[in-house]
Amino acid sequence: MVASTLVALLIGVGIGAATKKDKTTNVSASAVTTTTAVKAPAVTPAPTTKAAPSTTVAPTTTTTAARTQQEVVTAGGTANKRTDTFHLTGSHTTLAYDFPQNGAFVVYVVPAGHSVEKDGGFPEVDCFDPCKDTTQLAQSAGDYYLDVRASAPWSVTVTELR
């Protein structure tokens, strides 16, 4: 406590003495504050991103009156069979099939140059009871053939909007 009082007293005396004028130089002995300019770090503005201009495309109207569903390939048999190669444009392709008896009936649509045995694949049709239906194919434009695995009479037809 005595030490802190003594420190406070000395600080007070020092401050009082610092404000007195020096008679020989007539310069104020007040505390002098020196200001040093500090350069602020350069600020790089954040990059601005411009949104890509939006493009509006007018809807196109396709006239289907001139285009009709046309037969691409028809096949049938009583056992396994591979068809000749045919070309698809990838436009609304449909596979119609008829398997009127019990047994195994599997239809693959295989790209030309490939083989189900070597490359594998997923069948478009797979029935073990009598079945008759159509299915839309999702193959893109290209050359294909049908690989049919059947144990009884069957028929298939591929059509496409052309």
N, C-alpha and C. Protein backbone atom coordinates (compact mmCIF):
# COMPACT_ATOMS: atom_id res chain seq x y z
N MET A 1 0.82 -1.19 0.00
CA MET A 1 0.00 0.00 0.00
C MET A 1 0.87 1.25 0.00
N VAL A 2 1.91 1.28 0.82
CA VAL A 2 2.81 2.43 0.88
C VAL A 2 3.52 2.59 -0.46
N ALA A 3 3.92 1.46 -1.04
CA ALA A 3 4.65 1.52 -2.31
C ALA A 3 3.76 2.06 -3.42
N SER A 4 2.48 1.67 -3.44
CA SER A 4 1.59 2.15 -4.49
C SER A 4 1.29 3.62 -4.29
N THR A 5 1.21 4.10 -3.06
CA THR A 5 0.98 5.51 -2.81
C THR A 5 2.18 6.32 -3.25
N LEU A 6 3.37 5.79 -2.99
CA LEU A 6 4.60 6.47 -3.38
C LEU A 6 4.70 6.56 -4.90
N VAL A 7 4.34 5.52 -5.59
CA VAL A 7 4.38 5.51 -7.06
C VAL A 7 3.40 6.54 -7.59
N ALA A 8 2.21 6.60 -7.04
CA ALA A 8 1.20 7.56 -7.49
C ALA A 8 1.68 8.98 -7.26
N LEU A 9 2.35 9.22 -6.11
CA LEU A 9 2.86 10.54 -5.80
C LEU A 9 3.95 10.95 -6.78
N LEU A 10 4.85 10.08 -7.10
CA LEU A 10 5.93 10.38 -8.04
C LEU A 10 5.38 10.64 -9.43
N ILE A 11 4.37 9.91 -9.82
CA ILE A 11 3.78 10.12 -11.14
C ILE A 11 3.12 11.48 -11.18
N GLY A 12 2.43 11.84 -10.13
CA GLY A 12 1.79 13.16 -10.06
C GLY A 12 2.80 14.28 -10.11
N VAL A 13 3.92 14.17 -9.41
CA VAL A 13 4.96 15.19 -9.40
C VAL A 13 5.58 15.28 -10.79
N GLY A 14 5.80 14.12 -11.41
CA GLY A 14 6.41 14.11 -12.75
C GLY A 14 5.52 14.79 -13.76
N ILE A 15 4.23 14.59 -13.66
CA ILE A 15 3.31 15.20 -14.60
C ILE A 15 3.26 16.69 -14.37
N GLY A 16 3.25 17.08 -13.12
CA GLY A 16 3.21 18.51 -12.82
C GLY A 16 4.47 19.21 -13.29
N ALA A 17 5.61 18.57 -13.12
CA ALA A 17 6.88 19.16 -13.54
C ALA A 17 6.96 19.23 -15.04
N ALA A 18 6.34 18.29 -15.71
CA ALA A 18 6.44 18.25 -17.16
C ALA A 18 5.66 19.37 -17.81
N THR A 19 4.73 19.98 -17.10
CA THR A 19 3.93 21.04 -17.69
C THR A 19 4.52 22.42 -17.45
N LYS A 20 5.53 22.53 -16.60
CA LYS A 20 6.14 23.82 -16.34
C LYS A 20 6.98 24.23 -17.54
N LYS A 21 7.12 25.55 -17.78
CA LYS A 21 7.90 26.06 -18.89
C LYS A 21 9.35 26.16 -18.46
N ASP A 22 10.20 25.82 -19.37
CA ASP A 22 11.65 25.94 -19.15
C ASP A 22 12.01 27.40 -19.45
N LYS A 23 12.63 28.10 -18.45
CA LYS A 23 12.88 29.52 -18.59
C LYS A 23 14.01 29.80 -19.56
N THR A 24 14.91 28.92 -19.77
CA THR A 24 16.03 29.22 -20.62
C THR A 24 15.71 29.03 -22.09
N THR A 25 14.86 28.12 -22.41
CA THR A 25 14.59 27.87 -23.82
C THR A 25 13.19 28.30 -24.21
N ASN A 26 12.42 28.64 -23.25
CA ASN A 26 11.05 29.04 -23.49
C ASN A 26 10.30 27.98 -24.31
N VAL A 27 10.60 26.77 -24.04
CA VAL A 27 9.95 25.66 -24.73
C VAL A 27 9.11 24.93 -23.70
N SER A 28 7.97 24.61 -24.04
CA SER A 28 7.08 23.91 -23.13
C SER A 28 7.60 22.51 -22.95
N ALA A 29 7.62 22.05 -21.74
CA ALA A 29 8.09 20.70 -21.44
C ALA A 29 6.94 19.73 -21.40
N SER A 30 5.87 20.11 -21.97
CA SER A 30 4.73 19.20 -22.00
C SER A 30 5.10 17.97 -22.80
N ALA A 31 4.36 16.98 -22.57
CA ALA A 31 4.61 15.74 -23.31
C ALA A 31 4.38 16.01 -24.79
N VAL A 32 5.31 15.55 -25.59
CA VAL A 32 5.24 15.75 -27.03
C VAL A 32 4.78 14.44 -27.65
N THR A 33 3.83 14.55 -28.46
CA THR A 33 3.32 13.36 -29.12
C THR A 33 3.85 13.35 -30.53
N THR A 34 4.47 12.28 -30.87
CA THR A 34 4.98 12.13 -32.23
C THR A 34 4.05 11.19 -32.97
N THR A 35 3.66 11.63 -34.12
CA THR A 35 2.77 10.81 -34.92
C THR A 35 3.56 10.26 -36.10
N THR A 36 3.52 8.97 -36.24
CA THR A 36 4.18 8.34 -37.37
C THR A 36 3.08 7.78 -38.26
N ALA A 37 3.14 8.17 -39.49
CA ALA A 37 2.12 7.67 -40.42
C ALA A 37 2.41 6.21 -40.73
N VAL A 38 1.42 5.41 -40.57
CA VAL A 38 1.55 3.99 -40.88
C VAL A 38 0.74 3.72 -42.13
N LYS A 39 1.41 3.14 -43.08
CA LYS A 39 0.72 2.85 -44.33
C LYS A 39 -0.14 1.59 -44.15
N ALA A 40 -1.40 1.74 -44.46
CA ALA A 40 -2.31 0.60 -44.36
C ALA A 40 -1.99 -0.38 -45.47
N PRO A 41 -2.16 -1.67 -45.20
CA PRO A 41 -1.89 -2.64 -46.26
C PRO A 41 -2.84 -2.42 -47.43
N ALA A 42 -2.30 -2.68 -48.60
CA ALA A 42 -3.12 -2.51 -49.81
C ALA A 42 -4.28 -3.49 -49.78
N VAL A 43 -5.41 -2.98 -50.12
CA VAL A 43 -6.61 -3.82 -50.13
C VAL A 43 -6.94 -4.11 -51.58
N THR A 44 -6.96 -5.39 -51.88
CA THR A 44 -7.33 -5.80 -53.24
C THR A 44 -8.83 -6.01 -53.26
N PRO A 45 -9.50 -5.32 -54.15
CA PRO A 45 -10.96 -5.51 -54.18
C PRO A 45 -11.31 -6.94 -54.57
N ALA A 46 -12.36 -7.42 -53.97
CA ALA A 46 -12.82 -8.78 -54.26
C ALA A 46 -13.24 -8.85 -55.72
N PRO A 47 -12.89 -9.96 -56.38
CA PRO A 47 -13.29 -10.06 -57.79
C PRO A 47 -14.80 -10.09 -57.91
N THR A 48 -15.24 -9.43 -58.90
CA THR A 48 -16.68 -9.44 -59.13
C THR A 48 -17.00 -10.49 -60.17
N THR A 49 -18.04 -11.22 -59.91
CA THR A 49 -18.45 -12.23 -60.87
C THR A 49 -19.70 -11.74 -61.55
N LYS A 50 -19.66 -11.88 -62.83
CA LYS A 50 -20.83 -11.49 -63.61
C LYS A 50 -21.61 -12.74 -63.94
N ALA A 51 -22.86 -12.67 -63.76
CA ALA A 51 -23.71 -13.80 -64.12
C ALA A 51 -23.72 -13.91 -65.64
N ALA A 52 -23.67 -15.15 -66.09
CA ALA A 52 -23.73 -15.37 -67.53
C ALA A 52 -25.05 -14.84 -68.06
N PRO A 53 -24.98 -14.19 -69.18
CA PRO A 53 -26.25 -13.68 -69.71
C PRO A 53 -27.18 -14.83 -70.00
N SER A 54 -28.41 -14.64 -69.63
CA SER A 54 -29.37 -15.71 -69.86
C SER A 54 -29.77 -15.71 -71.32
N THR A 55 -29.94 -16.90 -71.81
CA THR A 55 -30.33 -17.06 -73.20
C THR A 55 -31.68 -17.73 -73.23
N THR A 56 -32.56 -17.15 -73.90
CA THR A 56 -33.88 -17.74 -74.04
C THR A 56 -33.99 -18.29 -75.45
N VAL A 57 -34.26 -19.57 -75.50
CA VAL A 57 -34.41 -20.22 -76.80
C VAL A 57 -35.89 -20.41 -77.05
N ALA A 58 -36.29 -19.98 -78.19
CA ALA A 58 -37.70 -20.14 -78.53
C ALA A 58 -38.00 -21.62 -78.68
N PRO A 59 -39.10 -22.09 -78.14
CA PRO A 59 -39.41 -23.51 -78.26
C PRO A 59 -39.58 -23.89 -79.74
N THR A 60 -39.05 -25.06 -80.04
CA THR A 60 -39.19 -25.53 -81.41
C THR A 60 -40.40 -26.44 -81.49
N THR A 61 -41.08 -26.35 -82.56
CA THR A 61 -42.26 -27.16 -82.77
C THR A 61 -41.91 -28.23 -83.78
N THR A 62 -42.07 -29.48 -83.37
CA THR A 62 -41.80 -30.58 -84.28
C THR A 62 -43.12 -31.07 -84.85
N THR A 63 -43.17 -31.10 -86.12
CA THR A 63 -44.38 -31.57 -86.77
C THR A 63 -44.25 -33.07 -86.96
N THR A 64 -45.11 -33.82 -86.31
CA THR A 64 -45.05 -35.27 -86.43
C THR A 64 -45.99 -35.78 -87.52
N ALA A 65 -46.71 -34.88 -88.16
CA ALA A 65 -47.63 -35.31 -89.22
C ALA A 65 -46.87 -35.97 -90.36
N ALA A 66 -45.68 -35.45 -90.67
CA ALA A 66 -44.90 -36.02 -91.76
C ALA A 66 -44.11 -37.25 -91.29
N ARG A 67 -43.94 -37.38 -90.00
CA ARG A 67 -43.18 -38.52 -89.45
C ARG A 67 -44.15 -39.54 -88.89
N THR A 68 -43.84 -40.80 -89.12
CA THR A 68 -44.68 -41.88 -88.59
C THR A 68 -43.80 -42.94 -87.97
N GLN A 69 -44.41 -43.77 -87.17
CA GLN A 69 -43.71 -44.90 -86.57
C GLN A 69 -43.47 -45.92 -87.68
N GLN A 70 -42.20 -46.21 -87.98
CA GLN A 70 -41.88 -47.13 -89.06
C GLN A 70 -41.14 -48.35 -88.53
N GLU A 71 -41.39 -49.46 -89.15
CA GLU A 71 -40.75 -50.72 -88.76
C GLU A 71 -39.26 -50.67 -89.13
N VAL A 72 -38.43 -51.04 -88.16
CA VAL A 72 -36.98 -51.08 -88.37
C VAL A 72 -36.54 -52.52 -88.57
N VAL A 73 -37.03 -53.43 -87.73
CA VAL A 73 -36.68 -54.85 -87.85
C VAL A 73 -37.81 -55.68 -87.24
N THR A 74 -38.07 -56.81 -87.85
CA THR A 74 -39.02 -57.79 -87.33
C THR A 74 -38.33 -59.14 -87.34
N ALA A 75 -38.51 -59.88 -86.24
CA ALA A 75 -37.89 -61.20 -86.17
C ALA A 75 -38.82 -62.12 -85.40
N GLY A 76 -38.64 -63.40 -85.60
CA GLY A 76 -39.42 -64.42 -84.89
C GLY A 76 -38.71 -65.75 -84.99
N GLY A 77 -39.16 -66.68 -84.19
CA GLY A 77 -38.55 -68.00 -84.21
C GLY A 77 -39.09 -68.86 -83.09
N THR A 78 -38.43 -70.01 -82.91
CA THR A 78 -38.83 -70.94 -81.86
C THR A 78 -37.67 -71.23 -80.90
N ALA A 79 -36.55 -70.57 -81.11
CA ALA A 79 -35.37 -70.78 -80.27
C ALA A 79 -34.53 -69.50 -80.27
N ASN A 80 -33.30 -69.60 -79.78
CA ASN A 80 -32.39 -68.45 -79.72
C ASN A 80 -32.09 -67.93 -81.12
N LYS A 81 -31.88 -66.61 -81.22
CA LYS A 81 -31.59 -66.03 -82.53
C LYS A 81 -30.96 -64.66 -82.37
N ARG A 82 -30.04 -64.33 -83.32
CA ARG A 82 -29.49 -62.97 -83.44
C ARG A 82 -29.92 -62.43 -84.78
N THR A 83 -30.42 -61.18 -84.77
CA THR A 83 -30.87 -60.59 -86.03
C THR A 83 -29.70 -59.95 -86.76
N ASP A 84 -29.96 -59.56 -87.99
CA ASP A 84 -28.99 -58.75 -88.72
C ASP A 84 -28.89 -57.39 -88.03
N THR A 85 -27.83 -56.68 -88.32
CA THR A 85 -27.63 -55.35 -87.76
C THR A 85 -28.62 -54.37 -88.39
N PHE A 86 -29.14 -53.46 -87.59
CA PHE A 86 -30.04 -52.41 -88.06
C PHE A 86 -29.61 -51.09 -87.43
N HIS A 87 -30.06 -49.98 -88.03
CA HIS A 87 -29.67 -48.65 -87.56
C HIS A 87 -30.84 -47.98 -86.84
N LEU A 88 -30.54 -47.37 -85.68
CA LEU A 88 -31.53 -46.58 -84.94
C LEU A 88 -31.10 -45.11 -84.96
N THR A 89 -32.08 -44.24 -85.07
CA THR A 89 -31.80 -42.80 -85.01
C THR A 89 -31.94 -42.28 -83.59
N GLY A 90 -32.50 -43.08 -82.69
CA GLY A 90 -32.68 -42.67 -81.30
C GLY A 90 -33.93 -41.84 -81.09
N SER A 91 -34.89 -41.93 -82.00
CA SER A 91 -36.09 -41.11 -81.91
C SER A 91 -37.32 -41.97 -81.68
N HIS A 92 -37.81 -42.00 -80.46
CA HIS A 92 -39.05 -42.70 -80.10
C HIS A 92 -39.03 -44.15 -80.60
N THR A 93 -38.07 -44.90 -80.12
CA THR A 93 -37.92 -46.30 -80.54
C THR A 93 -38.73 -47.20 -79.62
N THR A 94 -39.48 -48.12 -80.22
CA THR A 94 -40.37 -49.02 -79.48
C THR A 94 -40.05 -50.47 -79.85
N LEU A 95 -40.08 -51.33 -78.85
CA LEU A 95 -39.91 -52.77 -79.07
C LEU A 95 -41.23 -53.44 -78.68
N ALA A 96 -41.87 -54.09 -79.65
CA ALA A 96 -43.10 -54.86 -79.38
C ALA A 96 -42.71 -56.33 -79.39
N TYR A 97 -43.26 -57.10 -78.46
CA TYR A 97 -42.90 -58.52 -78.37
C TYR A 97 -44.14 -59.36 -78.03
N ASP A 98 -44.03 -60.62 -78.45
CA ASP A 98 -45.11 -61.59 -78.19
C ASP A 98 -44.47 -62.94 -77.91
N PHE A 99 -44.74 -63.46 -76.74
CA PHE A 99 -44.25 -64.77 -76.31
C PHE A 99 -45.46 -65.49 -75.70
N PRO A 100 -46.20 -66.25 -76.51
CA PRO A 100 -47.49 -66.78 -76.08
C PRO A 100 -47.45 -68.03 -75.20
N GLN A 101 -46.29 -68.60 -74.93
CA GLN A 101 -46.25 -69.85 -74.15
C GLN A 101 -45.38 -69.67 -72.91
N ASN A 102 -45.48 -70.63 -71.99
CA ASN A 102 -44.58 -70.66 -70.85
C ASN A 102 -43.19 -71.03 -71.32
N GLY A 103 -42.20 -70.58 -70.61
CA GLY A 103 -40.81 -70.86 -70.95
C GLY A 103 -39.96 -69.62 -70.71
N ALA A 104 -38.76 -69.64 -71.22
CA ALA A 104 -37.85 -68.50 -71.04
C ALA A 104 -37.85 -67.65 -72.30
N PHE A 105 -37.93 -66.32 -72.12
CA PHE A 105 -37.91 -65.38 -73.23
C PHE A 105 -37.17 -64.12 -72.79
N VAL A 106 -36.02 -63.88 -73.41
CA VAL A 106 -35.17 -62.74 -73.05
C VAL A 106 -34.74 -62.06 -74.34
N VAL A 107 -34.85 -60.72 -74.37
CA VAL A 107 -34.47 -59.95 -75.55
C VAL A 107 -33.45 -58.89 -75.15
N TYR A 108 -32.29 -58.90 -75.81
CA TYR A 108 -31.27 -57.88 -75.63
C TYR A 108 -31.19 -57.03 -76.90
N VAL A 109 -30.99 -55.73 -76.76
CA VAL A 109 -30.67 -54.86 -77.88
C VAL A 109 -29.19 -54.53 -77.71
N VAL A 110 -28.36 -55.07 -78.61
CA VAL A 110 -26.91 -55.05 -78.43
C VAL A 110 -26.25 -54.14 -79.48
N PRO A 111 -25.33 -53.27 -79.06
CA PRO A 111 -24.62 -52.45 -80.03
C PRO A 111 -23.81 -53.33 -80.98
N ALA A 112 -23.78 -52.98 -82.26
CA ALA A 112 -23.01 -53.75 -83.24
C ALA A 112 -21.55 -53.81 -82.78
N GLY A 113 -20.96 -54.99 -82.93
CA GLY A 113 -19.57 -55.18 -82.52
C GLY A 113 -19.42 -55.66 -81.09
N HIS A 114 -20.50 -55.69 -80.33
CA HIS A 114 -20.47 -56.19 -78.95
C HIS A 114 -21.17 -57.53 -78.87
N SER A 115 -20.97 -58.19 -77.73
CA SER A 115 -21.58 -59.50 -77.51
C SER A 115 -22.04 -59.59 -76.06
N VAL A 116 -23.22 -60.14 -75.85
CA VAL A 116 -23.72 -60.31 -74.49
C VAL A 116 -22.79 -61.23 -73.71
N GLU A 117 -22.28 -62.26 -74.37
CA GLU A 117 -21.39 -63.21 -73.69
C GLU A 117 -20.09 -62.54 -73.24
N LYS A 118 -19.53 -61.67 -74.06
CA LYS A 118 -18.25 -61.03 -73.73
C LYS A 118 -18.43 -59.75 -72.92
N ASP A 119 -19.41 -58.94 -73.30
CA ASP A 119 -19.55 -57.61 -72.71
C ASP A 119 -20.65 -57.50 -71.66
N GLY A 120 -21.51 -58.52 -71.57
CA GLY A 120 -22.63 -58.46 -70.63
C GLY A 120 -23.71 -57.52 -71.15
N GLY A 121 -24.72 -57.34 -70.37
CA GLY A 121 -25.80 -56.44 -70.76
C GLY A 121 -27.03 -56.69 -69.93
N PHE A 122 -28.00 -55.81 -70.10
CA PHE A 122 -29.27 -55.93 -69.41
C PHE A 122 -30.37 -56.15 -70.44
N PRO A 123 -31.21 -57.14 -70.23
CA PRO A 123 -32.25 -57.40 -71.23
C PRO A 123 -33.33 -56.33 -71.22
N GLU A 124 -33.89 -56.08 -72.39
CA GLU A 124 -35.04 -55.18 -72.52
C GLU A 124 -36.32 -55.92 -72.13
N VAL A 125 -36.35 -57.23 -72.37
CA VAL A 125 -37.51 -58.06 -72.05
C VAL A 125 -36.99 -59.31 -71.36
N ASP A 126 -37.70 -59.74 -70.32
CA ASP A 126 -37.32 -60.94 -69.58
C ASP A 126 -38.59 -61.55 -69.01
N CYS A 127 -39.13 -62.61 -69.66
CA CYS A 127 -40.39 -63.25 -69.23
C CYS A 127 -40.19 -64.76 -69.06
N PHE A 128 -40.98 -65.35 -68.16
CA PHE A 128 -40.99 -66.80 -68.01
C PHE A 128 -42.41 -67.35 -68.13
N ASP A 129 -43.35 -66.48 -68.27
CA ASP A 129 -44.74 -66.83 -68.52
C ASP A 129 -45.11 -66.19 -69.86
N PRO A 130 -46.24 -66.52 -70.41
CA PRO A 130 -46.66 -65.84 -71.64
C PRO A 130 -46.67 -64.32 -71.42
N CYS A 131 -46.15 -63.58 -72.41
CA CYS A 131 -46.12 -62.13 -72.29
C CYS A 131 -46.25 -61.50 -73.68
N LYS A 132 -46.95 -60.38 -73.71
CA LYS A 132 -47.15 -59.64 -74.95
C LYS A 132 -47.29 -58.18 -74.55
N ASP A 133 -46.38 -57.32 -75.06
CA ASP A 133 -46.39 -55.92 -74.64
C ASP A 133 -45.47 -55.11 -75.56
N THR A 134 -45.33 -53.82 -75.23
CA THR A 134 -44.37 -52.96 -75.90
C THR A 134 -43.56 -52.24 -74.84
N THR A 135 -42.37 -51.83 -75.20
CA THR A 135 -41.52 -51.06 -74.30
C THR A 135 -40.76 -50.03 -75.11
N GLN A 136 -40.53 -48.87 -74.50
CA GLN A 136 -39.75 -47.82 -75.15
C GLN A 136 -38.27 -48.11 -74.93
N LEU A 137 -37.49 -47.98 -75.97
CA LEU A 137 -36.04 -48.19 -75.87
C LEU A 137 -35.34 -46.85 -75.67
N ALA A 138 -34.25 -46.88 -74.96
CA ALA A 138 -33.50 -45.65 -74.69
C ALA A 138 -32.15 -45.62 -75.41
N GLN A 139 -31.96 -46.46 -76.39
CA GLN A 139 -30.70 -46.50 -77.11
C GLN A 139 -30.51 -45.21 -77.93
N SER A 140 -29.29 -44.75 -77.96
CA SER A 140 -28.98 -43.57 -78.78
C SER A 140 -28.77 -44.02 -80.22
N ALA A 141 -28.58 -43.06 -81.10
CA ALA A 141 -28.40 -43.38 -82.52
C ALA A 141 -27.19 -44.29 -82.68
N GLY A 142 -27.33 -45.27 -83.55
CA GLY A 142 -26.23 -46.20 -83.81
C GLY A 142 -26.74 -47.49 -84.41
N ASP A 143 -25.81 -48.42 -84.61
CA ASP A 143 -26.14 -49.73 -85.18
C ASP A 143 -26.25 -50.76 -84.07
N TYR A 144 -27.28 -51.60 -84.16
CA TYR A 144 -27.59 -52.59 -83.13
C TYR A 144 -28.05 -53.89 -83.79
N TYR A 145 -28.16 -54.93 -82.97
CA TYR A 145 -28.83 -56.17 -83.37
C TYR A 145 -29.58 -56.70 -82.15
N LEU A 146 -30.57 -57.55 -82.39
CA LEU A 146 -31.32 -58.18 -81.31
C LEU A 146 -30.70 -59.54 -81.01
N ASP A 147 -30.52 -59.83 -79.75
CA ASP A 147 -30.08 -61.15 -79.30
C ASP A 147 -31.23 -61.70 -78.47
N VAL A 148 -31.95 -62.69 -79.04
CA VAL A 148 -33.15 -63.23 -78.40
C VAL A 148 -32.82 -64.62 -77.86
N ARG A 149 -33.18 -64.87 -76.62
CA ARG A 149 -33.01 -66.18 -75.99
C ARG A 149 -34.42 -66.67 -75.68
N ALA A 150 -34.84 -67.77 -76.31
CA ALA A 150 -36.22 -68.24 -76.14
C ALA A 150 -36.29 -69.76 -76.19
N SER A 151 -37.27 -70.30 -75.45
CA SER A 151 -37.47 -71.74 -75.42
C SER A 151 -38.79 -72.15 -76.08
N ALA A 152 -39.48 -71.20 -76.70
CA ALA A 152 -40.77 -71.45 -77.35
C ALA A 152 -40.95 -70.38 -78.43
N PRO A 153 -41.97 -70.48 -79.26
CA PRO A 153 -42.18 -69.50 -80.33
C PRO A 153 -42.30 -68.06 -79.80
N TRP A 154 -41.79 -67.12 -80.56
CA TRP A 154 -41.77 -65.72 -80.18
C TRP A 154 -41.75 -64.83 -81.43
N SER A 155 -42.05 -63.55 -81.23
CA SER A 155 -41.88 -62.56 -82.29
C SER A 155 -41.59 -61.20 -81.67
N VAL A 156 -40.77 -60.40 -82.36
CA VAL A 156 -40.46 -59.04 -81.91
C VAL A 156 -40.45 -58.11 -83.11
N THR A 157 -40.80 -56.86 -82.88
CA THR A 157 -40.73 -55.83 -83.90
C THR A 157 -40.22 -54.55 -83.26
N VAL A 158 -39.22 -53.95 -83.90
CA VAL A 158 -38.69 -52.66 -83.45
C VAL A 158 -39.20 -51.61 -84.43
N THR A 159 -39.82 -50.55 -83.90
CA THR A 159 -40.27 -49.42 -84.72
C THR A 159 -39.66 -48.14 -84.19
N GLU A 160 -39.64 -47.12 -85.06
CA GLU A 160 -39.06 -45.86 -84.68
C GLU A 160 -39.77 -44.73 -85.43
N LEU A 161 -39.86 -43.57 -84.79
CA LEU A 161 -40.49 -42.42 -85.40
C LEU A 161 -39.53 -41.87 -86.46
N ARG A 162 -39.97 -41.92 -87.73
CA ARG A 162 -39.11 -41.46 -88.83
C ARG A 162 -39.91 -40.67 -89.82
